[in-house]
Amino acid sequence: MTSRRPWNVPAAGSILGAALLVTLALSALVGSPAAGLARPGGARRPLETSQVPMQPPATDDPGWSGKVAWAFQNGVSAFDKVTGAWVQPSIAASSTTQYADTWVGVNGFDGGGPLLQTGTSAWAHDGTVSYVPWFVDWNGAPSGMTVIDEPVAAGDRMQAVLDGNGLGTWSVELADLTAGWKWSTTLSYAADGSTAEWIEEAPGTWTTPSRYQTLADYGSVTFTTVRADGAVPMTMTTLDIVQSGSVVSYPSTYEPAQGAFTVQYGEPVPAVRTISPTSGPTAGGSTVVLSGSDLGLSLSPVVRFGGLKGTVLHSSTSAIVVRTPAHVPGRVTVTISAGPTAGGTVLRAPSSFEYVEPWGRYIHWRVPALIPYSQTASSPGTPPPPA
């Protein structure tokens, strides 16, 4: 529940992180000592035109996994309404303190507070588990944390709505559709809604900013009714939680047509599902697209056609575009080496690639054998057949 800053928007100062407020509030609620302090965030510095990043921020994050929508990338100057729904994930009891926070927010990724967030915390502590709904109005002061005094259980269907009226006030609503309660508030809020977030979080600590609370194994959580200004965002930034060099939580590929995505605990397993086209000339030079999931684990994937290295033109989590090398005719196996960042994983395409002779060469030596000699043009220097 702390804010993030893109690389080109410095913070104006440090203030107490919202996750600290949750930790302290949960401690008071369940009577357990505070497990840790949240790491500091940053006071928001408004984005200027020159500061707007031309590319989405880096996808690795020590505490957040999910999706972020930037207003400018979706054709608007600011978001006025953000919605999302999920089923409360379950975590196991533990003697050690673990967290898994699920929430929807506004302005959490645009350079620090002020921000609005509402969601739930799954908190394992002292051999028990607590599920607590909350709301954060981080408007430059650490007093905006509200623990919602309503019950939440694993498996409950949750729904969040953050609605701005353009007059400097926002209404925030969190509902448990299973338990049948709805909480709402209206407040003054001056931020411009430049980002919207749908996040699964491992909160950080205050005393050691680089140290984050242990992320509880939440299994998976699917965000549905993902909307900004009533529309499905067409462009989203992906965030993976990376701790100690390993991915511990990651979202699935976002499909705008569905308006939904799933965040998964653990390390993603890359897979290749399709290859297109499946044939090309022996001279090479064909552009081939390998589509799948979690293919962005390596910064420099190596694609081989029958053992010969192709030229990678583009690489992302969902597709690798490669130019084929020259090869003798025949079918070959296509493999992707994910590189050392993924432990040297080698993937195989679901179907082979066939190298074929160009039609011109095929006709050159096939056609004369099929047509009577008397109907073919005489080759230079060859006498015509007898009359």
Protein backbone atom coordinates (compact mmCIF):
# COMPACT_ATOMS: atom_id res chain seq x y z
CA MET A 1 0.00 0.00 0.00
CA THR A 2 2.90 2.31 -0.71
CA SER A 3 3.23 4.38 -3.84
CA ARG A 4 5.72 3.88 -6.65
CA ARG A 5 7.66 6.46 -8.66
CA PRO A 6 8.56 6.12 -12.35
CA TRP A 7 12.29 6.58 -12.94
CA ASN A 8 12.00 10.15 -14.22
CA VAL A 9 9.77 11.59 -11.49
CA PRO A 10 11.76 12.28 -8.29
CA ALA A 11 10.04 12.44 -4.92
CA ALA A 12 9.67 15.80 -3.20
CA GLY A 13 10.24 14.23 0.23
CA SER A 14 9.71 11.16 2.35
CA ILE A 15 6.56 10.45 4.29
CA LEU A 16 5.25 7.50 6.22
CA GLY A 17 4.14 4.63 3.96
CA ALA A 18 0.53 3.49 3.93
CA ALA A 19 1.53 -0.09 4.71
CA LEU A 20 2.80 1.10 8.10
CA LEU A 21 -0.68 2.37 8.80
CA VAL A 22 -2.17 -0.96 7.88
CA THR A 23 0.31 -2.83 10.06
CA LEU A 24 -0.40 -0.64 13.06
CA ALA A 25 -4.14 -0.70 12.46
CA LEU A 26 -4.22 -4.48 12.10
CA SER A 27 -2.18 -4.81 15.28
CA ALA A 28 -4.71 -2.76 17.18
CA LEU A 29 -7.59 -4.64 15.60
CA VAL A 30 -6.46 -8.18 16.39
CA GLY A 31 -4.38 -7.43 19.48
CA SER A 32 -1.09 -8.65 18.06
CA PRO A 33 2.14 -6.66 18.24
CA ALA A 34 3.15 -4.86 15.07
CA ALA A 35 5.11 -7.19 12.85
CA GLY A 36 7.05 -4.44 11.09
CA LEU A 37 6.98 -0.93 9.78
CA ALA A 38 6.17 0.01 6.21
CA ARG A 39 8.86 1.48 4.05
CA PRO A 40 8.67 5.20 3.21
CA GLY A 41 6.97 6.38 0.07
CA GLY A 42 7.35 9.80 -1.54
CA ALA A 43 5.35 12.99 -1.69
CA ARG A 44 3.94 13.31 -5.18
CA ARG A 45 5.46 15.72 -7.65
CA PRO A 46 2.96 16.52 -10.44
CA LEU A 47 3.89 15.16 -13.84
CA GLU A 48 4.94 17.74 -16.38
CA THR A 49 4.76 17.11 -20.10
CA SER A 50 8.53 16.63 -20.31
CA GLN A 51 8.39 14.10 -17.48
CA VAL A 52 5.80 11.77 -18.94
CA PRO A 53 7.65 8.51 -19.67
CA MET A 54 7.67 7.49 -23.31
CA GLN A 55 7.74 3.82 -22.29
CA PRO A 56 6.00 2.06 -19.38
CA PRO A 57 8.02 1.82 -16.16
CA ALA A 58 10.17 -1.22 -15.50
CA THR A 59 8.16 -4.35 -14.77
CA ASP A 60 10.24 -5.58 -11.81
CA ASP A 61 9.07 -4.33 -8.42
CA PRO A 62 9.96 -5.49 -4.89
CA GLY A 63 6.42 -5.20 -3.56
CA TRP A 64 3.75 -4.90 -6.28
CA SER A 65 2.44 -7.39 -8.84
CA GLY A 66 -0.47 -6.67 -11.14
CA LYS A 67 -1.35 -4.06 -13.73
CA VAL A 68 -1.07 -0.26 -13.95
CA ALA A 69 -2.94 1.87 -16.50
CA TRP A 70 -1.56 5.29 -17.42
CA ALA A 71 -4.17 7.82 -18.49
CA PHE A 72 -1.98 9.35 -21.21
CA GLN A 73 -1.43 5.92 -22.77
CA ASN A 74 -5.18 5.35 -22.92
CA GLY A 75 -6.12 8.58 -24.66
CA VAL A 76 -7.22 10.68 -21.67
CA SER A 77 -5.54 13.26 -19.46
CA ALA A 78 -6.80 11.67 -16.23
CA PHE A 79 -9.01 8.88 -14.95
CA ASP A 80 -12.18 9.93 -13.13
CA LYS A 81 -13.49 6.48 -12.21
CA VAL A 82 -11.75 3.16 -11.55
CA THR A 83 -13.39 -0.18 -10.74
CA GLY A 84 -12.30 -3.73 -10.03
CA ALA A 85 -13.53 -6.94 -8.42
CA TRP A 86 -11.90 -10.08 -7.05
CA VAL A 87 -12.48 -13.15 -4.91
CA GLN A 88 -10.62 -12.89 -1.60
CA PRO A 89 -7.65 -15.28 -1.79
CA SER A 90 -6.91 -17.66 1.06
CA ILE A 91 -3.57 -17.95 2.86
CA ALA A 92 -2.34 -20.52 5.37
CA ALA A 93 -1.72 -19.85 9.05
CA SER A 94 1.91 -19.27 9.94
CA SER A 95 4.02 -18.61 13.01
CA THR A 96 5.93 -16.04 10.99
CA THR A 97 4.39 -12.78 9.78
CA GLN A 98 3.24 -12.87 6.15
CA TYR A 99 1.05 -10.59 4.08
CA ALA A 100 -0.93 -10.65 0.84
CA ASP A 101 -2.77 -7.40 0.12
CA THR A 102 -5.28 -7.14 -2.73
CA TRP A 103 -6.48 -3.71 -3.81
CA VAL A 104 -7.60 -1.22 -6.46
CA GLY A 105 -6.23 2.32 -6.46
CA VAL A 106 -5.71 5.68 -8.13
CA ASN A 107 -2.45 7.66 -8.42
CA GLY A 108 -0.30 5.05 -6.71
CA PHE A 109 2.26 4.92 -9.50
CA ASP A 110 2.63 8.51 -10.62
CA GLY A 111 5.34 9.75 -8.27
CA GLY A 112 4.06 9.24 -4.72
CA GLY A 113 1.02 10.44 -2.73
CA PRO A 114 -1.62 11.69 -2.69
CA LEU A 115 -3.27 8.44 -3.58
CA LEU A 116 -6.46 6.50 -3.00
CA GLN A 117 -6.51 2.74 -2.41
CA THR A 118 -9.08 0.31 -1.08
CA GLY A 119 -8.88 -3.43 -0.67
CA THR A 120 -8.16 -6.27 1.74
CA SER A 121 -5.20 -7.60 3.71
CA ALA A 122 -4.65 -11.29 4.31
CA TRP A 123 -2.36 -11.37 7.34
CA ALA A 124 -0.76 -14.51 8.80
CA HIS A 125 0.59 -13.99 12.32
CA ASP A 126 1.10 -16.00 15.50
CA GLY A 127 -0.38 -19.15 13.96
CA THR A 128 -3.58 -17.42 12.87
CA VAL A 129 -4.92 -15.64 9.78
CA SER A 130 -6.84 -12.34 9.66
CA TYR A 131 -8.70 -10.91 6.65
CA VAL A 132 -9.22 -7.18 7.02
CA PRO A 133 -10.79 -4.62 4.63
CA TRP A 134 -9.28 -1.14 4.55
CA PHE A 135 -9.12 2.22 2.78
CA VAL A 136 -6.16 4.60 2.35
CA ASP A 137 -6.42 8.32 1.68
CA TRP A 138 -2.74 9.19 1.52
CA ASN A 139 -2.97 12.90 0.89
CA GLY A 140 0.53 13.84 2.02
CA ALA A 141 -0.03 12.83 5.67
CA PRO A 142 0.08 9.44 7.42
CA SER A 143 -3.36 9.82 8.98
CA GLY A 144 -5.45 8.57 6.08
CA MET A 145 -5.64 4.87 6.95
CA THR A 146 -9.09 3.47 7.74
CA VAL A 147 -9.66 -0.12 8.82
CA ILE A 148 -13.20 -0.99 7.77
CA ASP A 149 -15.04 -2.66 10.63
CA GLU A 150 -16.72 -5.36 8.56
CA PRO A 151 -16.06 -9.12 8.24
CA VAL A 152 -14.19 -10.63 5.29
CA ALA A 153 -13.51 -14.33 4.73
CA ALA A 154 -11.52 -16.25 2.14
CA GLY A 155 -13.68 -16.82 -0.93
CA ASP A 156 -15.75 -13.65 -0.49
CA ARG A 157 -16.52 -11.69 -3.66
CA MET A 158 -15.12 -8.16 -3.26
CA GLN A 159 -15.86 -5.07 -5.37
CA ALA A 160 -14.12 -1.67 -5.36
CA VAL A 161 -15.21 1.61 -6.96
CA LEU A 162 -13.24 4.89 -6.85
CA ASP A 163 -15.26 7.69 -8.44
CA GLY A 164 -14.14 11.31 -8.93
CA ASN A 165 -16.61 14.05 -9.86
CA GLY A 166 -14.06 16.49 -11.29
CA LEU A 167 -14.74 19.02 -8.52
CA GLY A 168 -11.97 17.98 -6.16
CA THR A 169 -13.90 15.25 -4.35
CA TRP A 170 -13.93 11.48 -4.76
CA SER A 171 -16.24 8.79 -3.46
CA VAL A 172 -14.75 5.41 -2.57
CA GLU A 173 -16.76 2.23 -2.15
CA LEU A 174 -15.73 -1.25 -1.03
CA ALA A 175 -18.33 -4.01 -0.95
CA ASP A 176 -18.33 -7.64 0.15
CA LEU A 177 -20.98 -9.12 -2.12
CA THR A 178 -20.85 -12.46 -0.29
CA ALA A 179 -21.26 -11.07 3.24
CA GLY A 180 -23.72 -8.45 2.00
CA TRP A 181 -22.09 -5.26 3.29
CA LYS A 182 -21.03 -2.07 1.51
CA TRP A 183 -18.76 0.65 2.90
CA SER A 184 -18.35 4.08 1.29
CA THR A 185 -16.93 7.51 1.94
CA THR A 186 -16.65 10.85 0.12
CA LEU A 187 -13.62 13.07 0.60
CA SER A 188 -11.71 16.03 -0.76
CA TYR A 189 -8.93 14.85 -3.03
CA ALA A 190 -6.83 17.07 -5.26
CA ALA A 191 -4.86 14.52 -7.31
CA ASP A 192 -5.52 14.15 -11.01
CA GLY A 193 -6.00 10.38 -11.47
CA SER A 194 -3.09 9.98 -13.84
CA THR A 195 -2.73 6.25 -13.05
CA ALA A 196 -4.99 3.40 -11.98
CA GLU A 197 -3.79 0.20 -10.29
CA TRP A 198 -5.00 -3.37 -9.70
CA ILE A 199 -2.43 -4.90 -7.36
CA GLU A 200 -1.42 -7.85 -5.19
CA GLU A 201 1.17 -6.54 -2.73
CA ALA A 202 3.84 -7.55 -0.24
CA PRO A 203 4.16 -4.36 1.88
CA GLY A 204 7.57 -2.93 2.72
CA THR A 205 9.13 -1.84 5.99
CA TRP A 206 9.96 1.56 7.43
CA THR A 207 13.17 0.78 9.32
CA THR A 208 14.81 -0.87 6.29
CA PRO A 209 13.34 0.53 3.03
CA SER A 210 14.86 -2.25 0.92
CA ARG A 211 13.31 -4.95 3.10
CA TYR A 212 9.80 -6.17 2.37
CA GLN A 213 7.42 -8.31 4.38
CA THR A 214 7.24 -11.95 3.35
CA LEU A 215 4.58 -12.42 0.70
CA ALA A 216 2.10 -15.09 1.78
CA ASP A 217 1.27 -17.85 -0.69
CA TYR A 218 -2.10 -16.55 -1.86
CA GLY A 219 -2.36 -19.01 -4.78
CA SER A 220 -3.95 -16.75 -7.37
CA VAL A 221 -6.41 -13.90 -7.59
CA THR A 222 -8.32 -12.77 -10.69
CA PHE A 223 -9.24 -9.12 -11.14
CA THR A 224 -12.48 -8.71 -13.10
CA THR A 225 -14.54 -5.70 -14.22
CA VAL A 226 -11.21 -3.91 -14.74
CA ARG A 227 -12.40 -0.50 -15.88
CA ALA A 228 -11.11 3.08 -16.03
CA ASP A 229 -13.65 5.78 -16.88
CA GLY A 230 -16.12 3.00 -17.66
CA ALA A 231 -13.94 1.55 -20.41
CA VAL A 232 -11.50 -1.33 -20.50
CA PRO A 233 -7.92 0.04 -20.54
CA MET A 234 -6.25 -0.86 -23.81
CA THR A 235 -2.67 -0.38 -22.58
CA MET A 236 -1.41 -1.69 -19.25
CA THR A 237 1.99 -1.86 -17.54
CA THR A 238 2.84 -5.27 -16.05
CA LEU A 239 4.44 -5.54 -12.61
CA ASP A 240 6.15 -8.64 -11.22
CA ILE A 241 7.32 -8.90 -7.62
CA VAL A 242 11.03 -9.74 -7.82
CA GLN A 243 12.83 -10.47 -4.58
CA SER A 244 16.39 -11.81 -4.24
CA GLY A 245 16.59 -12.09 -8.00
CA SER A 246 13.53 -14.34 -8.34
CA VAL A 247 9.96 -13.64 -9.43
CA VAL A 248 7.59 -14.46 -6.55
CA SER A 249 4.33 -13.04 -7.93
CA TYR A 250 3.28 -12.18 -11.48
CA PRO A 251 0.18 -11.32 -13.54
CA SER A 252 -1.07 -13.12 -16.61
CA THR A 253 -1.22 -11.49 -20.03
CA TYR A 254 -3.86 -8.80 -20.02
CA GLU A 255 -6.68 -9.28 -22.54
CA PRO A 256 -8.59 -6.01 -23.14
CA ALA A 257 -11.51 -7.93 -24.67
CA GLN A 258 -12.06 -9.71 -21.35
CA GLY A 259 -11.29 -6.81 -19.00
CA ALA A 260 -9.68 -9.26 -16.60
CA PHE A 261 -6.35 -10.79 -15.63
CA THR A 262 -4.99 -13.15 -12.99
CA VAL A 263 -2.11 -12.58 -10.56
CA GLN A 264 -0.29 -15.77 -9.58
CA TYR A 265 1.95 -16.59 -6.63
CA GLY A 266 5.32 -18.14 -7.49
CA GLU A 267 7.62 -18.05 -10.49
CA PRO A 268 6.11 -18.09 -13.99
CA VAL A 269 6.70 -21.05 -16.28
CA PRO A 270 7.36 -19.91 -19.87
CA ALA A 271 5.48 -21.69 -22.66
CA VAL A 272 5.30 -21.46 -26.47
CA ARG A 273 1.82 -22.10 -27.84
CA THR A 274 1.89 -21.14 -31.52
CA ILE A 275 4.35 -20.57 -34.36
CA SER A 276 3.42 -18.61 -37.49
CA PRO A 277 4.14 -19.14 -40.30
CA THR A 278 5.23 -22.77 -40.20
CA SER A 279 7.22 -22.78 -43.44
CA GLY A 280 9.58 -20.58 -45.42
CA PRO A 281 12.27 -20.59 -48.10
CA THR A 282 15.63 -22.31 -47.67
CA ALA A 283 17.35 -18.96 -48.19
CA GLY A 284 15.99 -17.82 -44.81
CA GLY A 285 14.76 -14.30 -44.11
CA SER A 286 11.21 -15.26 -43.11
CA THR A 287 9.68 -13.37 -40.20
CA VAL A 288 8.30 -15.88 -37.69
CA VAL A 289 6.21 -15.09 -34.61
CA LEU A 290 6.40 -17.42 -31.61
CA SER A 291 3.47 -16.68 -29.27
CA GLY A 292 3.02 -17.89 -25.71
CA SER A 293 3.20 -16.76 -22.11
CA ASP A 294 5.94 -15.53 -19.78
CA LEU A 295 8.47 -15.46 -22.61
CA GLY A 296 10.14 -12.30 -21.31
CA LEU A 297 12.24 -14.04 -18.66
CA SER A 298 15.38 -13.59 -20.71
CA LEU A 299 16.70 -10.26 -21.94
CA SER A 300 18.37 -12.03 -24.87
CA PRO A 301 16.43 -15.13 -25.94
CA VAL A 302 18.10 -17.37 -28.51
CA VAL A 303 15.87 -18.99 -31.15
CA ARG A 304 17.26 -21.88 -33.20
CA PHE A 305 15.87 -23.53 -36.31
CA GLY A 306 17.31 -27.02 -36.60
CA GLY A 307 20.25 -25.90 -34.48
CA LEU A 308 20.92 -22.75 -36.52
CA LYS A 309 20.51 -19.41 -34.74
CA GLY A 310 17.87 -16.99 -35.97
CA THR A 311 17.87 -13.20 -35.56
CA VAL A 312 15.53 -12.00 -32.80
CA LEU A 313 13.75 -8.82 -33.91
CA HIS A 314 11.48 -8.33 -30.88
CA SER A 315 10.91 -10.04 -27.53
CA SER A 316 8.11 -9.62 -24.97
CA THR A 317 6.33 -11.75 -22.39
CA SER A 318 3.78 -12.91 -24.96
CA ALA A 319 5.69 -13.11 -28.26
CA ILE A 320 9.12 -13.41 -29.86
CA VAL A 321 9.59 -12.24 -33.44
CA VAL A 322 12.55 -13.80 -35.22
CA ARG A 323 14.07 -13.88 -38.73
CA THR A 324 14.89 -17.38 -39.94
CA PRO A 325 18.44 -18.40 -40.93
CA ALA A 326 19.20 -20.22 -44.19
CA HIS A 327 18.81 -23.98 -44.02
CA VAL A 328 18.61 -27.04 -46.30
CA PRO A 329 15.10 -28.24 -47.28
CA GLY A 330 13.10 -30.18 -44.71
CA ARG A 331 11.32 -29.91 -41.37
CA VAL A 332 13.29 -28.68 -38.36
CA THR A 333 12.65 -28.29 -34.64
CA VAL A 334 12.37 -24.73 -33.31
CA THR A 335 13.74 -24.09 -29.84
CA ILE A 336 14.01 -21.04 -27.58
CA SER A 337 16.84 -20.80 -25.08
CA ALA A 338 15.63 -18.51 -22.29
CA GLY A 339 19.18 -17.71 -21.21
CA PRO A 340 20.88 -17.59 -17.81
CA THR A 341 18.25 -15.29 -16.27
CA ALA A 342 15.79 -18.18 -16.49
CA GLY A 343 18.20 -20.92 -15.52
CA GLY A 344 19.05 -21.86 -19.10
CA THR A 345 15.51 -23.09 -19.81
CA VAL A 346 15.03 -24.46 -23.35
CA LEU A 347 11.53 -24.37 -24.84
CA ARG A 348 10.32 -26.19 -27.92
CA ALA A 349 7.74 -24.79 -30.34
CA PRO A 350 4.57 -26.90 -30.59
CA SER A 351 5.14 -27.60 -34.28
CA SER A 352 8.13 -27.81 -36.59
CA PHE A 353 9.18 -25.32 -39.26
CA GLU A 354 9.53 -26.53 -42.85
CA TYR A 355 12.19 -25.16 -45.18
CA VAL A 356 11.08 -25.40 -48.83
CA GLU A 357 12.76 -24.76 -52.15
CA PRO A 358 11.70 -21.57 -53.97
CA TRP A 359 9.12 -22.22 -56.71
CA GLY A 360 11.40 -20.84 -59.40
CA ARG A 361 14.05 -23.45 -58.68
CA TYR A 362 11.40 -26.18 -58.44
CA ILE A 363 9.96 -25.31 -61.87
CA HIS A 364 13.43 -25.00 -63.43
CA TRP A 365 14.29 -28.65 -62.95
CA ARG A 366 10.85 -30.27 -62.68
CA VAL A 367 8.85 -28.89 -65.62
CA PRO A 368 11.07 -30.12 -68.52
CA ALA A 369 10.71 -33.68 -67.23
CA LEU A 370 6.91 -33.42 -67.39
CA ILE A 371 6.52 -31.89 -70.90
CA PRO A 372 7.41 -33.77 -74.14
CA TYR A 373 10.73 -32.59 -75.54
CA SER A 374 9.12 -31.46 -78.80
CA GLN A 375 7.04 -28.90 -76.82
CA THR A 376 9.94 -27.34 -74.94
CA ALA A 377 12.10 -24.49 -76.08
CA SER A 378 15.48 -25.66 -77.34
CA SER A 379 18.37 -24.89 -75.10
CA PRO A 380 21.14 -22.74 -76.60
CA GLY A 381 23.58 -24.86 -78.56
CA THR A 382 21.24 -27.88 -78.70
CA PRO A 383 20.20 -29.01 -82.20
CA PRO A 384 16.46 -29.29 -82.84
CA PRO A 385 14.96 -32.78 -83.06
CA PRO A 386 14.82 -34.45 -86.49
CA ALA A 387 11.89 -33.42 -88.73
